[in-house]
Amino acid sequence: MQVNGKKLPLSELKSSQIPALLEHLKIKPEMVAIQRNGNILKREFWEQTELFEEDQLEILRFVGGG
């Protein structure tokens, strides 16, 4: 699969769900939104959404400012 434009084999993850991806990338889940194949994934579906090698993911980080 591709994550933010970079290839990442699913075999590197503990499982094929979003939480395993974020853990692998050392990203805090509460600080991001996930876009999968052009669609934003609702947080409540992250644990049950199966990832596939052909997926295109964008991890969008929240940035505070003022």
PDB file of N, CA and C in Angstrom:
ATOM      1  N   MET A   1       0.843  -1.167   0.000  1.00  0.00           N
ATOM      2  CA  MET A   1       0.000   0.000   0.000  1.00  0.00           C
ATOM      3  C   MET A   1       0.890   1.231   0.000  1.00  0.00           C
ATOM      4  N   GLN A   2       0.293   2.380  -0.251  1.00  0.00           N
ATOM      5  CA  GLN A   2       1.046   3.631  -0.193  1.00  0.00           C
ATOM      6  C   GLN A   2       0.498   4.484   0.946  1.00  0.00           C
ATOM      7  N   VAL A   3       1.410   5.036   1.722  1.00  0.00           N
ATOM      8  CA  VAL A   3       1.047   5.903   2.839  1.00  0.00           C
ATOM      9  C   VAL A   3       1.775   7.223   2.632  1.00  0.00           C
ATOM     10  N   ASN A   4       1.004   8.282   2.448  1.00  0.00           N
ATOM     11  CA  ASN A   4       1.561   9.610   2.176  1.00  0.00           C
ATOM     12  C   ASN A   4       2.580   9.558   1.034  1.00  0.00           C
ATOM     13  N   GLY A   5       2.238   8.798  -0.008  1.00  0.00           N
ATOM     14  CA  GLY A   5       3.065   8.724  -1.199  1.00  0.00           C
ATOM     15  C   GLY A   5       4.232   7.754  -1.144  1.00  0.00           C
ATOM     16  N   LYS A   6       4.405   7.053  -0.017  1.00  0.00           N
ATOM     17  CA  LYS A   6       5.520   6.105   0.119  1.00  0.00           C
ATOM     18  C   LYS A   6       4.994   4.684   0.255  1.00  0.00           C
ATOM     19  N   LYS A   7       5.662   3.753  -0.398  1.00  0.00           N
ATOM     20  CA  LYS A   7       5.274   2.342  -0.349  1.00  0.00           C
ATOM     21  C   LYS A   7       5.524   1.770   1.049  1.00  0.00           C
ATOM     22  N   LEU A   8       4.531   1.052   1.574  1.00  0.00           N
ATOM     23  CA  LEU A   8       4.659   0.375   2.865  1.00  0.00           C
ATOM     24  C   LEU A   8       3.985  -0.989   2.748  1.00  0.00           C
ATOM     25  N   PRO A   9       4.762  -2.070   2.775  1.00  0.00           N
ATOM     26  CA  PRO A   9       4.162  -3.406   2.688  1.00  0.00           C
ATOM     27  C   PRO A   9       3.333  -3.723   3.939  1.00  0.00           C
ATOM     28  N   LEU A  10       2.165  -4.288   3.723  1.00  0.00           N
ATOM     29  CA  LEU A  10       1.320  -4.692   4.852  1.00  0.00           C
ATOM     30  C   LEU A  10       2.034  -5.678   5.765  1.00  0.00           C
ATOM     31  N   SER A  11       2.945  -6.445   5.229  1.00  0.00           N
ATOM     32  CA  SER A  11       3.659  -7.453   6.023  1.00  0.00           C
ATOM     33  C   SER A  11       4.484  -6.838   7.156  1.00  0.00           C
ATOM     34  N   GLU A  12       4.751  -5.539   7.094  1.00  0.00           N
ATOM     35  CA  GLU A  12       5.504  -4.873   8.163  1.00  0.00           C
ATOM     36  C   GLU A  12       4.633  -4.536   9.374  1.00  0.00           C
ATOM     37  N   LEU A  13       3.306  -4.654   9.229  1.00  0.00           N
ATOM     38  CA  LEU A  13       2.382  -4.305  10.311  1.00  0.00           C
ATOM     39  C   LEU A  13       1.995  -5.536  11.123  1.00  0.00           C
ATOM     40  N   LYS A  14       1.605  -5.310  12.393  1.00  0.00           N
ATOM     41  CA  LYS A  14       1.137  -6.401  13.254  1.00  0.00           C
ATOM     42  C   LYS A  14      -0.194  -6.956  12.768  1.00  0.00           C
ATOM     43  N   SER A  15      -1.035  -6.078  12.196  1.00  0.00           N
ATOM     44  CA  SER A  15      -2.318  -6.482  11.624  1.00  0.00           C
ATOM     45  C   SER A  15      -2.626  -5.531  10.472  1.00  0.00           C
ATOM     46  N   SER A  16      -3.700  -5.795   9.760  1.00  0.00           N
ATOM     47  CA  SER A  16      -4.021  -4.971   8.597  1.00  0.00           C
ATOM     48  C   SER A  16      -5.120  -3.947   8.895  1.00  0.00           C
ATOM     49  N   GLN A  17      -5.129  -3.420  10.121  1.00  0.00           N
ATOM     50  CA  GLN A  17      -6.076  -2.376  10.495  1.00  0.00           C
ATOM     51  C   GLN A  17      -5.330  -1.066  10.775  1.00  0.00           C
ATOM     52  N   ILE A  18      -6.073   0.026  10.783  1.00  0.00           N
ATOM     53  CA  ILE A  18      -5.513   1.369  10.975  1.00  0.00           C
ATOM     54  C   ILE A  18      -4.705   1.504  12.272  1.00  0.00           C
ATOM     55  N   PRO A  19      -5.194   1.024  13.427  1.00  0.00           N
ATOM     56  CA  PRO A  19      -4.395   1.180  14.651  1.00  0.00           C
ATOM     57  C   PRO A  19      -2.986   0.584  14.539  1.00  0.00           C
ATOM     58  N   ALA A  20      -2.849  -0.556  13.872  1.00  0.00           N
ATOM     59  CA  ALA A  20      -1.525  -1.166  13.695  1.00  0.00           C
ATOM     60  C   ALA A  20      -0.639  -0.297  12.810  1.00  0.00           C
ATOM     61  N   LEU A  21      -1.228   0.323  11.800  1.00  0.00           N
ATOM     62  CA  LEU A  21      -0.476   1.227  10.930  1.00  0.00           C
ATOM     63  C   LEU A  21       0.042   2.420  11.720  1.00  0.00           C
ATOM     64  N   LEU A  22      -0.827   3.045  12.504  1.00  0.00           N
ATOM     65  CA  LEU A  22      -0.418   4.218  13.282  1.00  0.00           C
ATOM     66  C   LEU A  22       0.639   3.852  14.316  1.00  0.00           C
ATOM     67  N   GLU A  23       0.486   2.689  14.943  1.00  0.00           N
ATOM     68  CA  GLU A  23       1.491   2.233  15.913  1.00  0.00           C
ATOM     69  C   GLU A  23       2.843   2.032  15.220  1.00  0.00           C
ATOM     70  N   HIS A  24       2.825   1.405  14.060  1.00  0.00           N
ATOM     71  CA  HIS A  24       4.055   1.163  13.297  1.00  0.00           C
ATOM     72  C   HIS A  24       4.752   2.483  12.949  1.00  0.00           C
ATOM     73  N   LEU A  25       3.959   3.490  12.596  1.00  0.00           N
ATOM     74  CA  LEU A  25       4.510   4.791  12.209  1.00  0.00           C
ATOM     75  C   LEU A  25       4.756   5.714  13.407  1.00  0.00           C
ATOM     76  N   LYS A  26       4.426   5.224  14.614  1.00  0.00           N
ATOM     77  CA  LYS A  26       4.584   5.994  15.857  1.00  0.00           C
ATOM     78  C   LYS A  26       3.821   7.324  15.799  1.00  0.00           C
ATOM     79  N   ILE A  27       2.550   7.218  15.383  1.00  0.00           N
ATOM     80  CA  ILE A  27       1.673   8.378  15.264  1.00  0.00           C
ATOM     81  C   ILE A  27       0.547   8.239  16.277  1.00  0.00           C
ATOM     82  N   LYS A  28       0.279   9.299  17.038  1.00  0.00           N
ATOM     83  CA  LYS A  28      -0.822   9.297  18.002  1.00  0.00           C
ATOM     84  C   LYS A  28      -2.149   9.395  17.245  1.00  0.00           C
ATOM     85  N   PRO A  29      -3.052   8.439  17.458  1.00  0.00           N
ATOM     86  CA  PRO A  29      -4.312   8.417  16.708  1.00  0.00           C
ATOM     87  C   PRO A  29      -5.178   9.659  16.901  1.00  0.00           C
ATOM     88  N   GLU A  30      -5.116  10.251  18.080  1.00  0.00           N
ATOM     89  CA  GLU A  30      -5.977  11.408  18.346  1.00  0.00           C
ATOM     90  C   GLU A  30      -5.529  12.666  17.600  1.00  0.00           C
ATOM     91  N   MET A  31      -4.385  12.619  16.956  1.00  0.00           N
ATOM     92  CA  MET A  31      -3.836  13.802  16.286  1.00  0.00           C
ATOM     93  C   MET A  31      -3.953  13.755  14.762  1.00  0.00           C
ATOM     94  N   VAL A  32      -4.680  12.756  14.217  1.00  0.00           N
ATOM     95  CA  VAL A  32      -4.724  12.601  12.763  1.00  0.00           C
ATOM     96  C   VAL A  32      -6.119  12.256  12.248  1.00  0.00           C
ATOM     97  N   ALA A  33      -6.278  12.459  10.955  1.00  0.00           N
ATOM     98  CA  ALA A  33      -7.413  11.941  10.192  1.00  0.00           C
ATOM     99  C   ALA A  33      -6.805  11.046   9.114  1.00  0.00           C
ATOM    100  N   ILE A  34      -7.556  10.046   8.685  1.00  0.00           N
ATOM    101  CA  ILE A  34      -7.062   9.101   7.689  1.00  0.00           C
ATOM    102  C   ILE A  34      -7.933   9.188   6.439  1.00  0.00           C
ATOM    103  N   GLN A  35      -7.273   9.351   5.302  1.00  0.00           N
ATOM    104  CA  GLN A  35      -7.958   9.318   4.015  1.00  0.00           C
ATOM    105  C   GLN A  35      -7.524   8.038   3.302  1.00  0.00           C
ATOM    106  N   ARG A  36      -8.503   7.259   2.886  1.00  0.00           N
ATOM    107  CA  ARG A  36      -8.218   5.981   2.208  1.00  0.00           C
ATOM    108  C   ARG A  36      -8.867   6.000   0.832  1.00  0.00           C
ATOM    109  N   ASN A  37      -8.039   5.901  -0.186  1.00  0.00           N
ATOM    110  CA  ASN A  37      -8.523   5.888  -1.569  1.00  0.00           C
ATOM    111  C   ASN A  37      -9.457   7.065  -1.848  1.00  0.00           C
ATOM    112  N   GLY A  38      -9.098   8.232  -1.315  1.00  0.00           N
ATOM    113  CA  GLY A  38      -9.846   9.458  -1.580  1.00  0.00           C
ATOM    114  C   GLY A  38     -10.986   9.753  -0.629  1.00  0.00           C
ATOM    115  N   ASN A  39     -11.270   8.861   0.315  1.00  0.00           N
ATOM    116  CA  ASN A  39     -12.374   9.055   1.259  1.00  0.00           C
ATOM    117  C   ASN A  39     -11.860   9.098   2.691  1.00  0.00           C
ATOM    118  N   ILE A  40     -12.360  10.058   3.470  1.00  0.00           N
ATOM    119  CA  ILE A  40     -12.000  10.136   4.887  1.00  0.00           C
ATOM    120  C   ILE A  40     -12.670   8.982   5.633  1.00  0.00           C
ATOM    121  N   LEU A  41     -11.883   8.260   6.430  1.00  0.00           N
ATOM    122  CA  LEU A  41     -12.415   7.168   7.250  1.00  0.00           C
ATOM    123  C   LEU A  41     -12.845   7.710   8.608  1.00  0.00           C
ATOM    124  N   LYS A  42     -14.058   7.416   8.997  1.00  0.00           N
ATOM    125  CA  LYS A  42     -14.502   7.818  10.329  1.00  0.00           C
ATOM    126  C   LYS A  42     -13.738   7.018  11.370  1.00  0.00           C
ATOM    127  N   ARG A  43     -13.332   7.702  12.412  1.00  0.00           N
ATOM    128  CA  ARG A  43     -12.520   7.100  13.477  1.00  0.00           C
ATOM    129  C   ARG A  43     -13.166   5.845  14.081  1.00  0.00           C
ATOM    130  N   GLU A  44     -14.481   5.832  14.204  1.00  0.00           N
ATOM    131  CA  GLU A  44     -15.144   4.678  14.824  1.00  0.00           C
ATOM    132  C   GLU A  44     -15.039   3.400  13.980  1.00  0.00           C
ATOM    133  N   PHE A  45     -14.604   3.521  12.722  1.00  0.00           N
ATOM    134  CA  PHE A  45     -14.452   2.346  11.860  1.00  0.00           C
ATOM    135  C   PHE A  45     -12.999   1.916  11.687  1.00  0.00           C
ATOM    136  N   TRP A  46     -12.054   2.610  12.296  1.00  0.00           N
ATOM    137  CA  TRP A  46     -10.634   2.310  12.102  1.00  0.00           C
ATOM    138  C   TRP A  46     -10.283   0.871  12.460  1.00  0.00           C
ATOM    139  N   GLU A  47     -10.797   0.373  13.570  1.00  0.00           N
ATOM    140  CA  GLU A  47     -10.407  -0.972  14.032  1.00  0.00           C
ATOM    141  C   GLU A  47     -10.990  -2.085  13.184  1.00  0.00           C
ATOM    142  N   GLN A  48     -12.094  -1.819  12.496  1.00  0.00           N
ATOM    143  CA  GLN A  48     -12.713  -2.870  11.686  1.00  0.00           C
ATOM    144  C   GLN A  48     -12.444  -2.718  10.193  1.00  0.00           C
ATOM    145  N   THR A  49     -11.746  -1.651   9.792  1.00  0.00           N
ATOM    146  CA  THR A  49     -11.434  -1.447   8.377  1.00  0.00           C
ATOM    147  C   THR A  49     -10.192  -2.240   7.999  1.00  0.00           C
ATOM    148  N   GLU A  50     -10.355  -3.146   7.046  1.00  0.00           N
ATOM    149  CA  GLU A  50      -9.256  -3.978   6.557  1.00  0.00           C
ATOM    150  C   GLU A  50      -8.463  -3.205   5.501  1.00  0.00           C
ATOM    151  N   LEU A  51      -7.150  -3.162   5.668  1.00  0.00           N
ATOM    152  CA  LEU A  51      -6.286  -2.511   4.688  1.00  0.00           C
ATOM    153  C   LEU A  51      -5.798  -3.536   3.673  1.00  0.00           C
ATOM    154  N   PHE A  52      -5.580  -3.072   2.431  1.00  0.00           N
ATOM    155  CA  PHE A  52      -5.123  -3.936   1.348  1.00  0.00           C
ATOM    156  C   PHE A  52      -3.909  -3.321   0.670  1.00  0.00           C
ATOM    157  N   GLU A  53      -3.105  -4.157   0.017  1.00  0.00           N
ATOM    158  CA  GLU A  53      -1.877  -3.694  -0.645  1.00  0.00           C
ATOM    159  C   GLU A  53      -2.146  -2.586  -1.656  1.00  0.00           C
ATOM    160  N   GLU A  54      -3.304  -2.594  -2.312  1.00  0.00           N
ATOM    161  CA  GLU A  54      -3.593  -1.588  -3.340  1.00  0.00           C
ATOM    162  C   GLU A  54      -4.127  -0.268  -2.775  1.00  0.00           C
ATOM    163  N   ASP A  55      -4.294  -0.172  -1.454  1.00  0.00           N
ATOM    164  CA  ASP A  55      -4.814   1.056  -0.839  1.00  0.00           C
ATOM    165  C   ASP A  55      -3.837   2.220  -0.961  1.00  0.00           C
ATOM    166  N   GLN A  56      -4.416   3.408  -1.134  1.00  0.00           N
ATOM    167  CA  GLN A  56      -3.678   4.669  -1.118  1.00  0.00           C
ATOM    168  C   GLN A  56      -4.151   5.417   0.130  1.00  0.00           C
ATOM    169  N   LEU A  57      -3.262   5.613   1.092  1.00  0.00           N
ATOM    170  CA  LEU A  57      -3.625   6.273   2.347  1.00  0.00           C
ATOM    171  C   LEU A  57      -2.908   7.606   2.484  1.00  0.00           C
ATOM    172  N   GLU A  58      -3.615   8.560   3.038  1.00  0.00           N
ATOM    173  CA  GLU A  58      -3.019   9.834   3.433  1.00  0.00           C
ATOM    174  C   GLU A  58      -3.323  10.009   4.909  1.00  0.00           C
ATOM    175  N   ILE A  59      -2.291  10.267   5.688  1.00  0.00           N
ATOM    176  CA  ILE A  59      -2.460  10.541   7.113  1.00  0.00           C
ATOM    177  C   ILE A  59      -2.340  12.046   7.273  1.00  0.00           C
ATOM    178  N   LEU A  60      -3.440  12.659   7.671  1.00  0.00           N
ATOM    179  CA  LEU A  60      -3.528  14.111   7.781  1.00  0.00           C
ATOM    180  C   LEU A  60      -3.385  14.510   9.240  1.00  0.00           C
ATOM    181  N   ARG A  61      -2.356  15.264   9.532  1.00  0.00           N
ATOM    182  CA  ARG A  61      -2.079  15.667  10.918  1.00  0.00           C
ATOM    183  C   ARG A  61      -2.747  16.997  11.233  1.00  0.00           C
ATOM    184  N   PHE A  62      -3.274  17.083  12.445  1.00  0.00           N
ATOM    185  CA  PHE A  62      -3.863  18.329  12.914  1.00  0.00           C
ATOM    186  C   PHE A  62      -2.756  19.228  13.441  1.00  0.00           C
ATOM    187  N   VAL A  63      -2.787  20.471  13.038  1.00  0.00           N
ATOM    188  CA  VAL A  63      -1.785  21.436  13.475  1.00  0.00           C
ATOM    189  C   VAL A  63      -2.516  22.605  14.122  1.00  0.00           C
ATOM    190  N   GLY A  64      -2.131  22.909  15.354  1.00  0.00           N
ATOM    191  CA  GLY A  64      -2.740  24.035  16.051  1.00  0.00           C
ATOM    192  C   GLY A  64      -2.043  25.338  15.698  1.00  0.00           C
ATOM    193  N   GLY A  65      -2.720  26.389  15.877  1.00  0.00           N
ATOM    194  CA  GLY A  65      -2.127  27.696  15.601  1.00  0.00           C
ATOM    195  C   GLY A  65      -3.110  28.791  15.968  1.00  0.00           C
ATOM    196  N   GLY A  66      -2.684  29.987  15.716  1.00  0.00           N
ATOM    197  CA  GLY A  66      -3.614  31.058  16.055  1.00  0.00           C
ATOM    198  C   GLY A  66      -3.170  32.393  15.588  1.00  0.00           C
TER     199      GLY A  66
END
